[in-house]
Amino acid sequence: GDAIFIKCDVANEDDVKKLVAETIAHYGRLDFAFNNAGIEGTPASVTDCSNDNWDRTININLKGVWFCMKYQIPEMLKRGGGAI
């Protein structure tokens, strides 16, 4: 098989856009994606959770998946579909 490593912070939209572009440049297409990045964050009660902790967790766990799909889906549709 063939594999490449591309450093990416999924909470950073530019990183995700670059990730998908580099994947397309190397392989010529994107057929499937497994968006499994996620963190627990620092455990805290609702009243003790800091804004930074909350934002970091949401940005990785939710926004990161959205950024990935935002750039993956159009590439998959160009080839008739794919699987996420």
C-alpha atoms as a PDB file:
ATOM      1  CA  GLY A   1       0.000   0.000   0.000  1.00  0.00           C
ATOM      2  CA  ASP A   2       0.840   3.636  -0.144  1.00  0.00           C
ATOM      3  CA  ALA A   3       0.451   6.094   2.724  1.00  0.00           C
ATOM      4  CA  ILE A   4       1.442   9.671   3.419  1.00  0.00           C
ATOM      5  CA  PHE A   5       1.502  11.765   6.599  1.00  0.00           C
ATOM      6  CA  ILE A   6      -0.006  15.237   6.597  1.00  0.00           C
ATOM      7  CA  LYS A   7       0.087  17.213   9.846  1.00  0.00           C
ATOM      8  CA  CYS A   8      -3.324  18.779  10.494  1.00  0.00           C
ATOM      9  CA  ASP A   9      -5.111  20.536  13.334  1.00  0.00           C
ATOM     10  CA  VAL A  10      -8.755  19.750  12.537  1.00  0.00           C
ATOM     11  CA  ALA A  11      -9.842  22.820  14.510  1.00  0.00           C
ATOM     12  CA  ASN A  12      -8.004  24.985  11.953  1.00  0.00           C
ATOM     13  CA  GLU A  13      -9.932  25.384   8.701  1.00  0.00           C
ATOM     14  CA  ASP A  14      -6.819  26.226   6.648  1.00  0.00           C
ATOM     15  CA  ASP A  15      -5.095  23.057   7.894  1.00  0.00           C
ATOM     16  CA  VAL A  16      -8.094  20.937   6.889  1.00  0.00           C
ATOM     17  CA  LYS A  17      -8.346  22.575   3.478  1.00  0.00           C
ATOM     18  CA  LYS A  18      -4.621  21.865   2.946  1.00  0.00           C
ATOM     19  CA  LEU A  19      -5.058  18.269   4.153  1.00  0.00           C
ATOM     20  CA  VAL A  20      -7.730  17.543   1.562  1.00  0.00           C
ATOM     21  CA  ALA A  21      -5.829  19.376  -1.201  1.00  0.00           C
ATOM     22  CA  GLU A  22      -2.621  17.450  -0.490  1.00  0.00           C
ATOM     23  CA  THR A  23      -4.537  14.168  -0.424  1.00  0.00           C
ATOM     24  CA  ILE A  24      -6.072  14.942  -3.828  1.00  0.00           C
ATOM     25  CA  ALA A  25      -2.673  16.028  -5.182  1.00  0.00           C
ATOM     26  CA  HIS A  26      -1.084  12.740  -4.074  1.00  0.00           C
ATOM     27  CA  TYR A  27      -3.851  10.237  -4.836  1.00  0.00           C
ATOM     28  CA  GLY A  28      -5.929  12.096  -7.418  1.00  0.00           C
ATOM     29  CA  ARG A  29      -9.204  11.463  -5.599  1.00  0.00           C
ATOM     30  CA  LEU A  30     -10.878  10.968  -2.228  1.00  0.00           C
ATOM     31  CA  ASP A  31     -13.101   7.930  -1.840  1.00  0.00           C
ATOM     32  CA  PHE A  32     -13.561   7.667   1.905  1.00  0.00           C
ATOM     33  CA  ALA A  33     -12.896   9.520   5.157  1.00  0.00           C
ATOM     34  CA  PHE A  34     -12.837   8.487   8.792  1.00  0.00           C
ATOM     35  CA  ASN A  35     -13.224  11.661  10.845  1.00  0.00           C
ATOM     36  CA  ASN A  36     -12.310  10.388  14.281  1.00  0.00           C
ATOM     37  CA  ALA A  37     -10.351  13.223  15.914  1.00  0.00           C
ATOM     38  CA  GLY A  38     -11.707  14.043  19.333  1.00  0.00           C
ATOM     39  CA  ILE A  39     -10.686  14.983  22.826  1.00  0.00           C
ATOM     40  CA  GLU A  40     -12.251  14.692  26.260  1.00  0.00           C
ATOM     41  CA  GLY A  41     -11.111  18.111  27.363  1.00  0.00           C
ATOM     42  CA  THR A  42     -10.262  18.831  30.962  1.00  0.00           C
ATOM     43  CA  PRO A  43     -12.930  17.208  33.132  1.00  0.00           C
ATOM     44  CA  ALA A  44     -14.880  19.844  35.049  1.00  0.00           C
ATOM     45  CA  SER A  45     -18.401  20.506  36.219  1.00  0.00           C
ATOM     46  CA  VAL A  46     -20.472  22.873  34.124  1.00  0.00           C
ATOM     47  CA  THR A  47     -19.938  25.670  36.637  1.00  0.00           C
ATOM     48  CA  ASP A  48     -16.170  25.128  36.804  1.00  0.00           C
ATOM     49  CA  CYS A  49     -15.401  24.518  33.124  1.00  0.00           C
ATOM     50  CA  SER A  50     -13.324  27.328  31.629  1.00  0.00           C
ATOM     51  CA  ASN A  51     -14.266  29.004  28.366  1.00  0.00           C
ATOM     52  CA  ASP A  52     -10.925  27.934  26.863  1.00  0.00           C
ATOM     53  CA  ASN A  53     -11.541  24.285  27.802  1.00  0.00           C
ATOM     54  CA  TRP A  54     -15.066  24.391  26.360  1.00  0.00           C
ATOM     55  CA  ASP A  55     -13.988  26.147  23.155  1.00  0.00           C
ATOM     56  CA  ARG A  56     -11.057  23.775  22.535  1.00  0.00           C
ATOM     57  CA  THR A  57     -13.262  20.707  23.019  1.00  0.00           C
ATOM     58  CA  ILE A  58     -16.035  22.035  20.756  1.00  0.00           C
ATOM     59  CA  ASN A  59     -13.564  23.222  18.119  1.00  0.00           C
ATOM     60  CA  ILE A  60     -11.938  19.802  17.831  1.00  0.00           C
ATOM     61  CA  ASN A  61     -14.905  17.490  18.403  1.00  0.00           C
ATOM     62  CA  LEU A  62     -17.588  19.342  16.442  1.00  0.00           C
ATOM     63  CA  LYS A  63     -16.078  22.063  14.313  1.00  0.00           C
ATOM     64  CA  GLY A  64     -13.223  19.781  13.252  1.00  0.00           C
ATOM     65  CA  VAL A  65     -15.614  17.182  11.873  1.00  0.00           C
ATOM     66  CA  TRP A  66     -17.583  19.917  10.093  1.00  0.00           C
ATOM     67  CA  PHE A  67     -14.421  21.400   8.533  1.00  0.00           C
ATOM     68  CA  CYS A  68     -13.377  17.951   7.302  1.00  0.00           C
ATOM     69  CA  MET A  69     -16.745  17.187   5.756  1.00  0.00           C
ATOM     70  CA  LYS A  70     -16.946  20.702   4.263  1.00  0.00           C
ATOM     71  CA  TYR A  71     -13.882  19.952   2.114  1.00  0.00           C
ATOM     72  CA  GLN A  72     -14.191  16.171   1.737  1.00  0.00           C
ATOM     73  CA  ILE A  73     -17.750  16.018   0.420  1.00  0.00           C
ATOM     74  CA  PRO A  74     -17.195  18.204  -2.678  1.00  0.00           C
ATOM     75  CA  GLU A  75     -14.174  16.093  -3.659  1.00  0.00           C
ATOM     76  CA  MET A  76     -16.139  12.877  -3.241  1.00  0.00           C
ATOM     77  CA  LEU A  77     -19.069  14.221  -5.246  1.00  0.00           C
ATOM     78  CA  LYS A  78     -16.723  15.094  -8.135  1.00  0.00           C
ATOM     79  CA  ARG A  79     -16.167  11.319  -8.511  1.00  0.00           C
ATOM     80  CA  GLY A  80     -19.761  10.247  -7.998  1.00  0.00           C
ATOM     81  CA  GLY A  81     -19.685   9.705  -4.223  1.00  0.00           C
ATOM     82  CA  GLY A  82     -17.742   8.241  -1.385  1.00  0.00           C
ATOM     83  CA  ALA A  83     -18.118   7.150   2.217  1.00  0.00           C
ATOM     84  CA  ILE A  84     -17.594   9.061   5.450  1.00  0.00           C
END
